[in-house]
Amino acid sequence: MQGHLSEGLVTKWYRSPRLLLSPNNYTKAIDMWAAGCIFAEMLTGKTLFAGAHELEQMQLILESIPVLREEDRQELHSVIPVFIRNDMSKPHTPLAKLLPDVSPQALDFLEKILTFNPMDRLTAEEALAHPYMADYSFPLDEPVSLHPFHIEDEVDDILLMDQSHSHTWDRYADWHLHSTHDPDEVQVDPRALSDVTDEEEVQVDPRKYADGDREKFLDEPSFDYSSMFP
């Protein structure tokens, strides 16, 4: 996807190296990087690369992710030469050392998603076919889109939706302004139509409906209660 895109809405901790270097070059591989970071966080309960700013974010990535392609190293050297070495294929703290308690299969899965160059990264389809995902993958329920995604189509749908909502609100406002209903009539509480007041309703003792004779007996004014006791 090409165009004037912004990285402002992308959480810094899940930005791929390519997005840090060039926010206008957005592909599906960037989302796979974010998925890998989230997966590592699910395994350990900790953020994998928690940089305070873009430069520190890139530094944390370079400490654990190897840079295998020379063109990537050259681009990094032109942007942040202070962190660049002649050989960057062996990082100081590789993922195996950074995540010592992760299983070998999960580690292999992470290493194939968290690659510096997006061309070396697993696609979503390839990630689902990885052995680690064997217990979770269900190919019959994992359709692959046959057409490329175009943001322009989504923008058009959003605009149409906004226009529809706007028209709905206009119709409601027009009805509200020209309504012939009396405001007092609209605000009538249906309980006010009852002959029984709230106070009377609350004070009704349901026992007098359960045993009418006993209620009548207890309410008899001439009854001598002293006769009940020896």
Protein backbone atom coordinates (compact mmCIF):
# COMPACT_ATOMS: atom_id res chain seq x y z
CA MET A 1 0.00 0.00 0.00
CA GLN A 2 1.44 3.33 -1.05
CA GLY A 3 0.36 6.85 -0.17
CA HIS A 4 0.42 9.42 2.58
CA LEU A 5 0.03 7.15 5.59
CA SER A 6 0.60 7.98 9.23
CA GLU A 7 2.31 5.90 11.91
CA GLY A 8 0.68 7.92 14.68
CA LEU A 9 -2.03 5.31 15.35
CA VAL A 10 0.36 2.36 15.40
CA THR A 11 1.49 1.38 18.87
CA LYS A 12 5.23 1.90 19.01
CA TRP A 13 6.02 -1.43 20.68
CA TYR A 14 4.53 -3.39 17.77
CA ARG A 15 6.00 -1.45 14.86
CA SER A 16 8.13 -3.44 12.48
CA PRO A 17 11.61 -2.20 11.48
CA ARG A 18 10.29 -1.29 8.03
CA LEU A 19 7.51 0.82 9.52
CA LEU A 20 10.03 2.61 11.76
CA LEU A 21 12.20 3.40 8.75
CA SER A 22 9.47 4.20 6.22
CA PRO A 23 5.91 4.72 7.46
CA ASN A 24 4.64 5.15 3.88
CA ASN A 25 5.54 1.59 2.92
CA TYR A 26 2.76 -0.44 4.52
CA THR A 27 2.25 -4.12 3.65
CA LYS A 28 0.67 -7.19 5.24
CA ALA A 29 4.11 -8.18 6.51
CA ILE A 30 3.95 -5.26 8.96
CA ASP A 31 0.85 -6.80 10.53
CA MET A 32 2.62 -10.16 10.80
CA TRP A 33 5.43 -8.50 12.75
CA ALA A 34 2.88 -7.04 15.16
CA ALA A 35 1.25 -10.47 15.51
CA GLY A 36 4.65 -11.97 16.37
CA CYS A 37 5.24 -9.35 19.07
CA ILE A 38 1.81 -10.03 20.55
CA PHE A 39 2.43 -13.78 20.42
CA ALA A 40 5.69 -13.37 22.34
CA GLU A 41 3.85 -11.24 24.89
CA MET A 42 1.23 -13.96 25.30
CA LEU A 43 3.94 -16.54 25.96
CA THR A 44 5.89 -14.49 28.50
CA GLY A 45 3.44 -11.94 29.88
CA LYS A 46 5.91 -9.17 29.03
CA THR A 47 6.29 -6.75 26.14
CA LEU A 48 8.97 -7.97 23.78
CA PHE A 49 10.33 -4.61 22.58
CA ALA A 50 9.17 -1.77 24.84
CA GLY A 51 10.97 1.27 23.45
CA ALA A 52 10.30 4.72 24.87
CA HIS A 53 10.76 6.32 21.44
CA GLU A 54 11.41 5.30 17.84
CA LEU A 55 15.22 5.29 18.17
CA GLU A 56 15.17 3.10 21.28
CA GLN A 57 12.59 0.85 19.64
CA MET A 58 14.92 0.23 16.72
CA GLN A 59 17.84 -0.31 19.08
CA LEU A 60 15.95 -3.00 21.02
CA ILE A 61 15.03 -4.75 17.77
CA LEU A 62 18.60 -4.72 16.50
CA GLU A 63 19.83 -6.25 19.77
CA SER A 64 17.73 -9.38 19.16
CA ILE A 65 16.82 -9.58 15.46
CA PRO A 66 19.57 -10.35 12.92
CA VAL A 67 20.02 -8.16 9.85
CA LEU A 68 20.84 -10.61 7.07
CA ARG A 69 20.51 -8.53 3.92
CA GLU A 70 23.21 -6.08 2.98
CA GLU A 71 20.72 -3.56 1.60
CA ASP A 72 19.04 -3.41 5.01
CA ARG A 73 22.36 -2.80 6.73
CA GLN A 74 23.20 -0.04 4.28
CA GLU A 75 19.86 1.66 4.85
CA LEU A 76 20.31 1.47 8.62
CA HIS A 77 23.80 2.90 8.30
CA SER A 78 22.42 5.91 6.45
CA VAL A 79 19.81 6.55 9.14
CA ILE A 80 21.36 5.49 12.47
CA PRO A 81 25.05 4.75 11.87
CA VAL A 82 25.86 4.68 15.59
CA PHE A 83 24.14 1.30 16.03
CA ILE A 84 25.45 -0.35 12.86
CA ARG A 85 28.25 -2.92 12.72
CA ASN A 86 29.89 -4.60 9.77
CA ASP A 87 28.35 -7.94 10.69
CA MET A 88 24.81 -7.77 12.08
CA SER A 89 23.81 -11.36 11.43
CA LYS A 90 24.51 -12.29 15.06
CA PRO A 91 22.70 -9.98 17.50
CA HIS A 92 23.91 -9.53 21.07
CA THR A 93 20.75 -10.98 22.62
CA PRO A 94 19.02 -13.32 20.16
CA LEU A 95 15.45 -14.42 20.74
CA ALA A 96 16.65 -17.77 22.11
CA LYS A 97 18.50 -15.92 24.87
CA LEU A 98 15.85 -13.27 25.32
CA LEU A 99 13.11 -15.90 25.71
CA PRO A 100 14.81 -18.84 27.46
CA ASP A 101 11.58 -20.45 28.71
CA VAL A 102 9.86 -20.62 25.33
CA SER A 103 9.60 -24.03 23.68
CA PRO A 104 11.84 -24.72 20.65
CA GLN A 105 8.85 -24.98 18.32
CA ALA A 106 7.37 -21.68 19.52
CA LEU A 107 10.82 -20.08 19.24
CA ASP A 108 11.17 -21.27 15.65
CA PHE A 109 7.73 -19.85 14.92
CA LEU A 110 8.76 -16.47 16.36
CA GLU A 111 12.08 -16.36 14.54
CA LYS A 112 10.32 -16.86 11.22
CA ILE A 113 7.80 -14.08 11.90
CA LEU A 114 10.10 -11.56 13.56
CA THR A 115 12.50 -11.11 10.65
CA PHE A 116 14.08 -7.75 9.94
CA ASN A 117 13.29 -7.84 6.25
CA PRO A 118 9.59 -8.34 5.43
CA MET A 119 10.49 -10.47 2.41
CA ASP A 120 11.86 -13.14 4.75
CA ARG A 121 8.80 -13.13 7.01
CA LEU A 122 6.09 -15.78 7.06
CA THR A 123 2.80 -14.79 5.49
CA ALA A 124 -0.44 -15.40 7.38
CA GLU A 125 -1.08 -18.56 5.35
CA GLU A 126 2.44 -19.86 5.98
CA ALA A 127 2.21 -19.04 9.68
CA LEU A 128 -1.01 -21.06 10.00
CA ALA A 129 0.75 -23.99 8.33
CA HIS A 130 3.66 -23.90 10.80
CA PRO A 131 3.94 -27.03 13.02
CA TYR A 132 3.38 -24.95 16.15
CA MET A 133 -0.08 -24.02 14.86
CA ALA A 134 -1.09 -27.62 14.08
CA ASP A 135 -3.37 -27.80 17.13
CA TYR A 136 -5.08 -24.51 16.28
CA SER A 137 -5.18 -24.41 12.50
CA PHE A 138 -8.33 -25.43 10.62
CA PRO A 139 -7.67 -24.99 6.88
CA LEU A 140 -11.31 -25.59 5.90
CA ASP A 141 -12.30 -22.50 7.88
CA GLU A 142 -9.40 -20.27 6.83
CA PRO A 143 -10.36 -18.77 3.46
CA VAL A 144 -7.84 -16.71 1.52
CA SER A 145 -8.99 -13.55 -0.23
CA LEU A 146 -8.72 -13.82 -3.99
CA HIS A 147 -8.57 -10.07 -4.47
CA PRO A 148 -6.10 -7.54 -3.09
CA PHE A 149 -7.21 -5.17 -0.37
CA HIS A 150 -7.75 -1.57 -1.41
CA ILE A 151 -8.08 1.07 1.28
CA GLU A 152 -10.02 3.26 -1.16
CA ASP A 153 -12.93 0.82 -1.07
CA GLU A 154 -13.01 0.91 2.72
CA VAL A 155 -12.92 4.71 2.75
CA ASP A 156 -15.86 4.84 0.32
CA ASP A 157 -17.86 2.45 2.53
CA ILE A 158 -17.14 4.57 5.61
CA LEU A 159 -18.22 7.75 3.82
CA LEU A 160 -21.44 6.12 2.66
CA MET A 161 -22.10 4.90 6.19
CA ASP A 162 -21.53 8.37 7.61
CA GLN A 163 -23.90 9.87 5.06
CA SER A 164 -26.55 7.29 5.91
CA HIS A 165 -26.26 8.04 9.62
CA SER A 166 -26.41 11.76 8.90
CA HIS A 167 -29.62 11.38 6.91
CA THR A 168 -31.15 9.26 9.65
CA TRP A 169 -30.38 11.93 12.25
CA ASP A 170 -31.78 14.66 9.97
CA ARG A 171 -35.04 12.76 9.60
CA TYR A 172 -35.30 12.31 13.37
CA ALA A 173 -34.55 15.98 14.03
CA ASP A 174 -37.14 17.02 11.43
CA TRP A 175 -39.76 14.74 12.99
CA HIS A 176 -38.93 16.05 16.47
CA LEU A 177 -39.30 19.68 15.42
CA HIS A 178 -42.56 19.19 13.53
CA SER A 179 -44.16 16.67 15.83
CA THR A 180 -47.81 17.40 16.76
CA HIS A 181 -47.59 15.52 20.05
CA ASP A 182 -48.25 17.51 23.18
CA PRO A 183 -45.06 17.45 25.32
CA ASP A 184 -47.17 16.99 28.45
CA GLU A 185 -48.86 14.01 26.89
CA VAL A 186 -45.56 12.40 25.99
CA GLN A 187 -44.27 12.75 29.52
CA VAL A 188 -47.29 11.10 31.17
CA ASP A 189 -46.24 8.24 33.41
CA PRO A 190 -48.51 5.26 32.63
CA ARG A 191 -48.59 4.43 36.33
CA ALA A 192 -50.52 7.66 36.89
CA LEU A 193 -53.51 6.12 35.09
CA SER A 194 -53.88 3.53 37.84
CA ASP A 195 -56.48 4.06 40.60
CA VAL A 196 -54.03 2.77 43.18
CA THR A 197 -51.36 5.16 44.38
CA ASP A 198 -47.73 4.14 44.83
CA GLU A 199 -48.11 4.39 48.59
CA GLU A 200 -51.11 2.08 48.62
CA GLU A 201 -49.40 -0.32 46.29
CA VAL A 202 -46.33 -0.58 48.49
CA GLN A 203 -48.33 -1.10 51.69
CA VAL A 204 -50.43 -3.99 50.38
CA ASP A 205 -49.76 -7.09 52.46
CA PRO A 206 -49.83 -10.14 50.17
CA ARG A 207 -50.69 -12.38 53.12
CA LYS A 208 -54.25 -11.12 53.22
CA TYR A 209 -54.81 -12.68 49.80
CA ALA A 210 -53.20 -15.95 50.86
CA ASP A 211 -55.39 -16.51 53.93
CA GLY A 212 -58.47 -14.28 54.02
CA ASP A 213 -60.04 -15.85 57.11
CA ARG A 214 -56.90 -15.41 59.21
CA GLU A 215 -56.60 -11.77 58.13
CA LYS A 216 -60.19 -11.15 59.04
CA PHE A 217 -59.73 -12.92 62.37
CA LEU A 218 -56.70 -10.80 63.29
CA ASP A 219 -58.42 -7.59 62.27
CA GLU A 220 -61.53 -8.30 64.37
CA PRO A 221 -61.62 -5.38 66.90
CA SER A 222 -63.64 -7.29 69.49
CA PHE A 223 -61.23 -10.22 69.68
CA ASP A 224 -59.67 -10.67 73.16
CA TYR A 225 -55.97 -11.48 72.60
CA SER A 226 -55.50 -12.28 76.33
CA SER A 227 -57.45 -15.48 75.87
CA MET A 228 -54.62 -16.82 73.74
CA PHE A 229 -52.30 -17.02 76.76
CA PRO A 230 -52.85 -19.13 79.91
